[in-house]
Amino acid sequence: MIDLNEIKNLKKLSDWDMAKMIEFSENAAKELNVNTTQLRKFHGHISKIWHKYLMNKPVYLRDNAKFGKEIKDEIVFVKAYLAYQAGRQREIAKLQEILGIAIDRIQDQKDFEIFKKFYDSIVAYRRFSESQSQRGGSR
């Protein structure tokens, strides 16, 4: 069982030890009742924001206000999209809660980069978990 306090107790995502974040992602992926198709819906939104960030990263590193206006505002909007989807599909509620807490901990560029790694690791472990279930095996 994942402990959401692990994320809630962080001031910012970049305070999270990478090994602990990966372990949390793996455990969360096992607990989530979503398939990779559902995760991919959010992946499109997050990837679009990520690519915009990469294209303008030098500017954002110099100007945190610009980062906040152009990137952080967009990633915060993902919370609303998650809420909408959770309202339509209850199995997304846990993902909404996890990502919502993580998004609230994004304060700067480094936090956003950690969030992207966190999300990608959840997707990867969820895909792995699905493939193990289809084969009848477990880890």
N, C-alpha and C. Protein backbone atom coordinates (compact mmCIF):
# COMPACT_ATOMS: atom_id res chain seq x y z
N MET A 1 0.84 -1.18 0.00
CA MET A 1 0.00 0.00 0.00
C MET A 1 0.88 1.25 0.00
N ILE A 2 0.65 2.12 -0.96
CA ILE A 2 1.46 3.33 -1.01
C ILE A 2 1.00 4.32 0.06
N ASP A 3 1.94 5.10 0.53
CA ASP A 3 1.66 6.10 1.54
C ASP A 3 1.78 7.48 0.89
N LEU A 4 0.64 8.12 0.64
CA LEU A 4 0.64 9.43 -0.02
C LEU A 4 1.34 10.50 0.80
N ASN A 5 1.51 10.25 2.10
CA ASN A 5 2.24 11.21 2.92
C ASN A 5 3.69 11.36 2.47
N GLU A 6 4.20 10.34 1.78
CA GLU A 6 5.57 10.43 1.27
C GLU A 6 5.70 11.62 0.31
N ILE A 7 4.65 11.86 -0.48
CA ILE A 7 4.67 13.02 -1.38
C ILE A 7 4.19 14.26 -0.64
N LYS A 8 3.14 14.11 0.14
CA LYS A 8 2.56 15.26 0.85
C LYS A 8 3.57 15.94 1.76
N ASN A 9 4.49 15.18 2.32
CA ASN A 9 5.47 15.74 3.25
C ASN A 9 6.61 16.48 2.55
N LEU A 10 6.66 16.42 1.24
CA LEU A 10 7.69 17.15 0.50
C LEU A 10 7.29 18.61 0.32
N LYS A 11 8.25 19.50 0.47
CA LYS A 11 7.99 20.91 0.15
C LYS A 11 7.95 21.08 -1.36
N LYS A 12 8.87 20.38 -2.01
CA LYS A 12 8.96 20.43 -3.46
C LYS A 12 9.44 19.07 -3.96
N LEU A 13 9.10 18.75 -5.20
CA LEU A 13 9.42 17.42 -5.72
C LEU A 13 10.91 17.14 -5.77
N SER A 14 11.70 18.16 -6.00
CA SER A 14 13.15 17.93 -6.11
C SER A 14 13.77 17.54 -4.77
N ASP A 15 13.00 17.62 -3.68
CA ASP A 15 13.49 17.13 -2.38
C ASP A 15 13.38 15.61 -2.27
N TRP A 16 12.69 14.99 -3.21
CA TRP A 16 12.43 13.55 -3.16
C TRP A 16 13.66 12.78 -3.61
N ASP A 17 14.11 11.87 -2.80
CA ASP A 17 15.21 10.99 -3.15
C ASP A 17 14.80 10.15 -4.36
N MET A 18 15.62 10.11 -5.39
CA MET A 18 15.26 9.44 -6.64
C MET A 18 14.93 7.97 -6.44
N ALA A 19 15.70 7.27 -5.65
CA ALA A 19 15.44 5.84 -5.42
C ALA A 19 14.09 5.64 -4.74
N LYS A 20 13.76 6.51 -3.79
CA LYS A 20 12.45 6.41 -3.12
C LYS A 20 11.32 6.75 -4.08
N MET A 21 11.55 7.72 -4.95
CA MET A 21 10.53 8.08 -5.94
C MET A 21 10.26 6.91 -6.88
N ILE A 22 11.31 6.25 -7.33
CA ILE A 22 11.15 5.12 -8.23
C ILE A 22 10.43 3.98 -7.53
N GLU A 23 10.78 3.72 -6.29
CA GLU A 23 10.10 2.68 -5.52
C GLU A 23 8.62 3.01 -5.35
N PHE A 24 8.33 4.27 -5.05
CA PHE A 24 6.94 4.71 -4.91
C PHE A 24 6.19 4.51 -6.23
N SER A 25 6.83 4.88 -7.34
CA SER A 25 6.22 4.73 -8.66
C SER A 25 5.88 3.28 -8.96
N GLU A 26 6.81 2.40 -8.64
CA GLU A 26 6.58 0.98 -8.88
C GLU A 26 5.39 0.46 -8.07
N ASN A 27 5.35 0.84 -6.81
CA ASN A 27 4.25 0.39 -5.95
C ASN A 27 2.92 1.02 -6.37
N ALA A 28 2.95 2.28 -6.74
CA ALA A 28 1.73 2.95 -7.20
C ALA A 28 1.21 2.29 -8.46
N ALA A 29 2.10 1.98 -9.38
CA ALA A 29 1.70 1.35 -10.64
C ALA A 29 1.01 0.02 -10.40
N LYS A 30 1.47 -0.71 -9.39
CA LYS A 30 0.85 -2.00 -9.06
C LYS A 30 -0.55 -1.81 -8.48
N GLU A 31 -0.74 -0.72 -7.75
CA GLU A 31 -2.02 -0.47 -7.09
C GLU A 31 -3.05 0.19 -8.01
N LEU A 32 -2.57 0.89 -9.01
CA LEU A 32 -3.51 1.60 -9.89
C LEU A 32 -4.37 0.62 -10.67
N ASN A 33 -5.62 0.97 -10.79
CA ASN A 33 -6.55 0.15 -11.55
C ASN A 33 -6.82 0.82 -12.89
N VAL A 34 -5.76 1.23 -13.56
CA VAL A 34 -5.87 1.86 -14.87
C VAL A 34 -5.02 1.08 -15.86
N ASN A 35 -5.39 1.15 -17.12
CA ASN A 35 -4.58 0.48 -18.12
C ASN A 35 -3.69 1.52 -18.80
N THR A 36 -2.75 1.05 -19.57
CA THR A 36 -1.81 1.98 -20.21
C THR A 36 -2.51 2.89 -21.21
N THR A 37 -3.61 2.47 -21.79
CA THR A 37 -4.35 3.34 -22.70
C THR A 37 -4.87 4.56 -21.95
N GLN A 38 -5.39 4.34 -20.75
CA GLN A 38 -5.86 5.46 -19.94
C GLN A 38 -4.69 6.38 -19.55
N LEU A 39 -3.56 5.79 -19.21
CA LEU A 39 -2.39 6.60 -18.87
C LEU A 39 -1.90 7.41 -20.06
N ARG A 40 -1.97 6.83 -21.23
CA ARG A 40 -1.50 7.51 -22.45
C ARG A 40 -2.32 8.77 -22.75
N LYS A 41 -3.59 8.79 -22.34
CA LYS A 41 -4.41 10.00 -22.54
C LYS A 41 -3.74 11.19 -21.86
N PHE A 42 -3.25 10.98 -20.66
CA PHE A 42 -2.59 12.05 -19.92
C PHE A 42 -1.19 12.29 -20.46
N HIS A 43 -0.59 11.24 -20.96
CA HIS A 43 0.76 11.35 -21.50
C HIS A 43 0.83 12.39 -22.62
N GLY A 44 -0.19 12.42 -23.46
CA GLY A 44 -0.22 13.40 -24.54
C GLY A 44 -0.17 14.82 -24.02
N HIS A 45 -0.95 15.10 -23.00
CA HIS A 45 -0.96 16.45 -22.41
C HIS A 45 0.39 16.78 -21.78
N ILE A 46 0.90 15.85 -21.02
CA ILE A 46 2.16 16.09 -20.33
C ILE A 46 3.32 16.21 -21.32
N SER A 47 3.31 15.39 -22.36
CA SER A 47 4.38 15.44 -23.37
C SER A 47 4.37 16.77 -24.12
N LYS A 48 3.21 17.27 -24.42
CA LYS A 48 3.11 18.57 -25.11
C LYS A 48 3.75 19.68 -24.25
N ILE A 49 3.45 19.66 -22.96
CA ILE A 49 4.04 20.65 -22.05
C ILE A 49 5.54 20.43 -21.94
N TRP A 50 5.96 19.17 -21.86
CA TRP A 50 7.38 18.83 -21.74
C TRP A 50 8.16 19.33 -22.96
N HIS A 51 7.63 19.12 -24.15
CA HIS A 51 8.33 19.57 -25.35
C HIS A 51 8.44 21.09 -25.41
N LYS A 52 7.41 21.78 -24.99
CA LYS A 52 7.47 23.24 -24.93
C LYS A 52 8.56 23.67 -23.95
N TYR A 53 8.63 22.98 -22.83
CA TYR A 53 9.65 23.28 -21.83
C TYR A 53 11.05 23.08 -22.41
N LEU A 54 11.27 21.94 -23.07
CA LEU A 54 12.59 21.66 -23.63
C LEU A 54 13.00 22.69 -24.68
N MET A 55 12.05 23.12 -25.48
CA MET A 55 12.36 24.10 -26.53
C MET A 55 12.78 25.45 -25.94
N ASN A 56 12.28 25.76 -24.75
CA ASN A 56 12.54 27.08 -24.15
C ASN A 56 13.29 27.00 -22.83
N LYS A 57 13.90 25.86 -22.55
CA LYS A 57 14.54 25.64 -21.25
C LYS A 57 15.54 26.74 -20.88
N PRO A 58 16.42 27.19 -21.78
CA PRO A 58 17.36 28.25 -21.37
C PRO A 58 16.65 29.52 -20.91
N VAL A 59 15.55 29.85 -21.55
CA VAL A 59 14.77 31.04 -21.16
C VAL A 59 14.16 30.82 -19.77
N TYR A 60 13.58 29.64 -19.57
CA TYR A 60 12.94 29.36 -18.29
C TYR A 60 13.93 29.31 -17.14
N LEU A 61 15.16 28.87 -17.41
CA LEU A 61 16.18 28.83 -16.36
C LEU A 61 16.58 30.24 -15.92
N ARG A 62 16.49 31.19 -16.84
CA ARG A 62 16.80 32.58 -16.52
C ARG A 62 15.60 33.32 -15.92
N ASP A 63 14.40 32.89 -16.28
CA ASP A 63 13.20 33.63 -15.92
C ASP A 63 12.14 32.70 -15.33
N ASN A 64 12.18 32.55 -14.00
CA ASN A 64 11.26 31.64 -13.33
C ASN A 64 9.80 32.10 -13.48
N ALA A 65 9.58 33.40 -13.59
CA ALA A 65 8.21 33.91 -13.77
C ALA A 65 7.66 33.44 -15.11
N LYS A 66 8.48 33.44 -16.13
CA LYS A 66 8.05 32.96 -17.45
C LYS A 66 7.77 31.45 -17.39
N PHE A 67 8.60 30.72 -16.67
CA PHE A 67 8.36 29.30 -16.47
C PHE A 67 6.99 29.10 -15.80
N GLY A 68 6.73 29.87 -14.77
CA GLY A 68 5.47 29.76 -14.04
C GLY A 68 4.27 30.03 -14.93
N LYS A 69 4.39 31.06 -15.73
CA LYS A 69 3.26 31.45 -16.58
C LYS A 69 3.05 30.47 -17.73
N GLU A 70 4.11 30.01 -18.34
CA GLU A 70 3.97 29.19 -19.55
C GLU A 70 3.96 27.69 -19.30
N ILE A 71 4.63 27.23 -18.27
CA ILE A 71 4.72 25.79 -18.03
C ILE A 71 3.94 25.38 -16.79
N LYS A 72 4.21 26.00 -15.68
CA LYS A 72 3.53 25.60 -14.45
C LYS A 72 2.02 25.76 -14.57
N ASP A 73 1.55 26.83 -15.16
CA ASP A 73 0.11 27.02 -15.34
C ASP A 73 -0.49 25.90 -16.19
N GLU A 74 0.24 25.46 -17.19
CA GLU A 74 -0.25 24.37 -18.05
C GLU A 74 -0.29 23.04 -17.30
N ILE A 75 0.73 22.77 -16.51
CA ILE A 75 0.75 21.49 -15.80
C ILE A 75 -0.30 21.49 -14.70
N VAL A 76 -0.59 22.64 -14.09
CA VAL A 76 -1.65 22.72 -13.10
C VAL A 76 -3.00 22.43 -13.75
N PHE A 77 -3.16 22.83 -15.01
CA PHE A 77 -4.41 22.54 -15.72
C PHE A 77 -4.63 21.04 -15.88
N VAL A 78 -3.55 20.26 -15.93
CA VAL A 78 -3.66 18.81 -16.04
C VAL A 78 -4.48 18.27 -14.86
N LYS A 79 -4.39 18.94 -13.70
CA LYS A 79 -5.19 18.51 -12.55
C LYS A 79 -6.69 18.57 -12.88
N ALA A 80 -7.11 19.60 -13.55
CA ALA A 80 -8.52 19.72 -13.93
C ALA A 80 -8.91 18.62 -14.91
N TYR A 81 -8.04 18.33 -15.84
CA TYR A 81 -8.31 17.27 -16.81
C TYR A 81 -8.40 15.91 -16.10
N LEU A 82 -7.51 15.68 -15.15
CA LEU A 82 -7.56 14.45 -14.37
C LEU A 82 -8.87 14.35 -13.58
N ALA A 83 -9.31 15.45 -13.01
CA ALA A 83 -10.57 15.45 -12.26
C ALA A 83 -11.74 15.11 -13.17
N TYR A 84 -11.73 15.69 -14.35
CA TYR A 84 -12.79 15.39 -15.32
C TYR A 84 -12.80 13.91 -15.67
N GLN A 85 -11.65 13.36 -15.97
CA GLN A 85 -11.56 11.95 -16.33
C GLN A 85 -11.93 11.05 -15.15
N ALA A 86 -11.53 11.44 -13.94
CA ALA A 86 -11.88 10.64 -12.76
C ALA A 86 -13.38 10.66 -12.53
N GLY A 87 -14.03 11.76 -12.87
CA GLY A 87 -15.48 11.82 -12.77
C GLY A 87 -16.17 10.89 -13.76
N ARG A 88 -15.53 10.68 -14.88
CA ARG A 88 -16.09 9.79 -15.90
C ARG A 88 -15.72 8.33 -15.65
N GLN A 89 -14.53 8.11 -15.11
CA GLN A 89 -14.02 6.75 -14.89
C GLN A 89 -13.43 6.69 -13.48
N ARG A 90 -14.15 6.12 -12.56
CA ARG A 90 -13.74 6.09 -11.15
C ARG A 90 -12.36 5.47 -10.93
N GLU A 91 -11.96 4.54 -11.79
CA GLU A 91 -10.67 3.89 -11.58
C GLU A 91 -9.48 4.86 -11.72
N ILE A 92 -9.73 6.04 -12.24
CA ILE A 92 -8.67 7.04 -12.42
C ILE A 92 -8.49 7.89 -11.16
N ALA A 93 -9.40 7.77 -10.21
CA ALA A 93 -9.37 8.62 -9.01
C ALA A 93 -8.05 8.53 -8.26
N LYS A 94 -7.48 7.34 -8.11
CA LYS A 94 -6.22 7.18 -7.38
C LYS A 94 -5.07 7.88 -8.13
N LEU A 95 -5.06 7.72 -9.44
CA LEU A 95 -4.04 8.41 -10.26
C LEU A 95 -4.21 9.92 -10.12
N GLN A 96 -5.44 10.39 -10.13
CA GLN A 96 -5.71 11.81 -9.97
C GLN A 96 -5.15 12.31 -8.64
N GLU A 97 -5.37 11.55 -7.60
CA GLU A 97 -4.89 11.95 -6.28
C GLU A 97 -3.36 12.00 -6.24
N ILE A 98 -2.71 10.97 -6.74
CA ILE A 98 -1.25 10.89 -6.73
C ILE A 98 -0.63 12.04 -7.53
N LEU A 99 -1.09 12.19 -8.78
CA LEU A 99 -0.50 13.22 -9.64
C LEU A 99 -0.86 14.62 -9.16
N GLY A 100 -2.06 14.78 -8.61
CA GLY A 100 -2.46 16.09 -8.09
C GLY A 100 -1.54 16.55 -6.97
N ILE A 101 -1.23 15.65 -6.06
CA ILE A 101 -0.32 15.98 -4.97
C ILE A 101 1.06 16.33 -5.52
N ALA A 102 1.53 15.54 -6.49
CA ALA A 102 2.85 15.80 -7.09
C ALA A 102 2.87 17.14 -7.81
N ILE A 103 1.83 17.44 -8.57
CA ILE A 103 1.75 18.72 -9.29
C ILE A 103 1.80 19.89 -8.32
N ASP A 104 1.14 19.75 -7.18
CA ASP A 104 1.15 20.82 -6.17
C ASP A 104 2.54 21.08 -5.61
N ARG A 105 3.47 20.13 -5.79
CA ARG A 105 4.84 20.29 -5.28
C ARG A 105 5.80 20.84 -6.34
N ILE A 106 5.29 21.19 -7.51
CA ILE A 106 6.14 21.77 -8.56
C ILE A 106 6.29 23.26 -8.30
N GLN A 107 7.50 23.68 -8.01
CA GLN A 107 7.77 25.09 -7.76
C GLN A 107 8.71 25.70 -8.80
N ASP A 108 9.53 24.87 -9.41
CA ASP A 108 10.49 25.40 -10.36
C ASP A 108 10.81 24.35 -11.43
N GLN A 109 11.77 24.66 -12.26
CA GLN A 109 12.13 23.79 -13.39
C GLN A 109 12.59 22.42 -12.93
N LYS A 110 13.40 22.38 -11.89
CA LYS A 110 13.91 21.10 -11.40
C LYS A 110 12.75 20.21 -10.94
N ASP A 111 11.78 20.82 -10.25
CA ASP A 111 10.61 20.06 -9.81
C ASP A 111 9.82 19.50 -11.00
N PHE A 112 9.70 20.31 -12.04
CA PHE A 112 8.98 19.86 -13.23
C PHE A 112 9.71 18.68 -13.88
N GLU A 113 11.02 18.74 -13.93
CA GLU A 113 11.79 17.63 -14.49
C GLU A 113 11.62 16.36 -13.65
N ILE A 114 11.56 16.51 -12.34
CA ILE A 114 11.33 15.36 -11.46
C ILE A 114 9.91 14.82 -11.69
N PHE A 115 8.94 15.72 -11.83
CA PHE A 115 7.57 15.28 -12.09
C PHE A 115 7.50 14.44 -13.37
N LYS A 116 8.19 14.88 -14.40
CA LYS A 116 8.18 14.14 -15.67
C LYS A 116 8.77 12.75 -15.47
N LYS A 117 9.85 12.65 -14.74
CA LYS A 117 10.45 11.34 -14.46
C LYS A 117 9.50 10.48 -13.63
N PHE A 118 8.85 11.10 -12.67
CA PHE A 118 7.88 10.39 -11.82
C PHE A 118 6.74 9.83 -12.66
N TYR A 119 6.17 10.67 -13.49
CA TYR A 119 5.06 10.22 -14.33
C TYR A 119 5.52 9.11 -15.29
N ASP A 120 6.65 9.31 -15.94
CA ASP A 120 7.17 8.31 -16.87
C ASP A 120 7.43 6.97 -16.17
N SER A 121 7.91 7.03 -14.94
CA SER A 121 8.18 5.77 -14.22
C SER A 121 6.88 5.07 -13.85
N ILE A 122 5.84 5.81 -13.53
CA ILE A 122 4.54 5.18 -13.27
C ILE A 122 4.04 4.49 -14.53
N VAL A 123 4.12 5.17 -15.67
CA VAL A 123 3.68 4.58 -16.94
C VAL A 123 4.49 3.31 -17.24
N ALA A 124 5.80 3.39 -17.06
CA ALA A 124 6.65 2.23 -17.35
C ALA A 124 6.32 1.05 -16.45
N TYR A 125 6.21 1.30 -15.17
CA TYR A 125 5.91 0.21 -14.25
C TYR A 125 4.49 -0.33 -14.44
N ARG A 126 3.57 0.53 -14.82
CA ARG A 126 2.20 0.06 -15.08
C ARG A 126 2.19 -0.86 -16.29
N ARG A 127 2.92 -0.46 -17.31
CA ARG A 127 3.02 -1.30 -18.52
C ARG A 127 3.67 -2.64 -18.18
N PHE A 128 4.71 -2.60 -17.38
CA PHE A 128 5.38 -3.83 -16.96
C PHE A 128 4.42 -4.71 -16.18
N SER A 129 3.69 -4.11 -15.26
CA SER A 129 2.73 -4.85 -14.44
C SER A 129 1.65 -5.50 -15.30
N GLU A 130 1.16 -4.77 -16.29
CA GLU A 130 0.16 -5.33 -17.22
C GLU A 130 0.73 -6.50 -17.99
N SER A 131 1.96 -6.36 -18.47
CA SER A 131 2.55 -7.46 -19.26
C SER A 131 2.77 -8.70 -18.40
N GLN A 132 3.13 -8.50 -17.13
CA GLN A 132 3.29 -9.63 -16.22
C GLN A 132 1.95 -10.33 -15.96
N SER A 133 0.90 -9.54 -15.82
CA SER A 133 -0.44 -10.10 -15.59
C SER A 133 -0.92 -10.90 -16.81
N GLN A 134 -0.61 -10.39 -17.99
CA GLN A 134 -1.04 -11.08 -19.22
C GLN A 134 -0.30 -12.40 -19.38
N ARG A 135 0.93 -12.45 -18.89
CA ARG A 135 1.71 -13.69 -19.00
C ARG A 135 1.42 -14.64 -17.84
N GLY A 136 0.70 -14.12 -16.85
CA GLY A 136 0.41 -14.96 -15.70
C GLY A 136 1.52 -14.98 -14.68
N GLY A 137 2.53 -14.14 -14.87
CA GLY A 137 3.65 -14.12 -13.93
C GLY A 137 3.55 -12.94 -13.02
N SER A 138 4.38 -12.95 -12.03
CA SER A 138 4.48 -11.80 -11.13
C SER A 138 5.92 -11.63 -10.74
N ARG A 139 6.20 -10.46 -10.22
CA ARG A 139 7.54 -10.14 -9.79
C ARG A 139 7.81 -10.56 -8.42
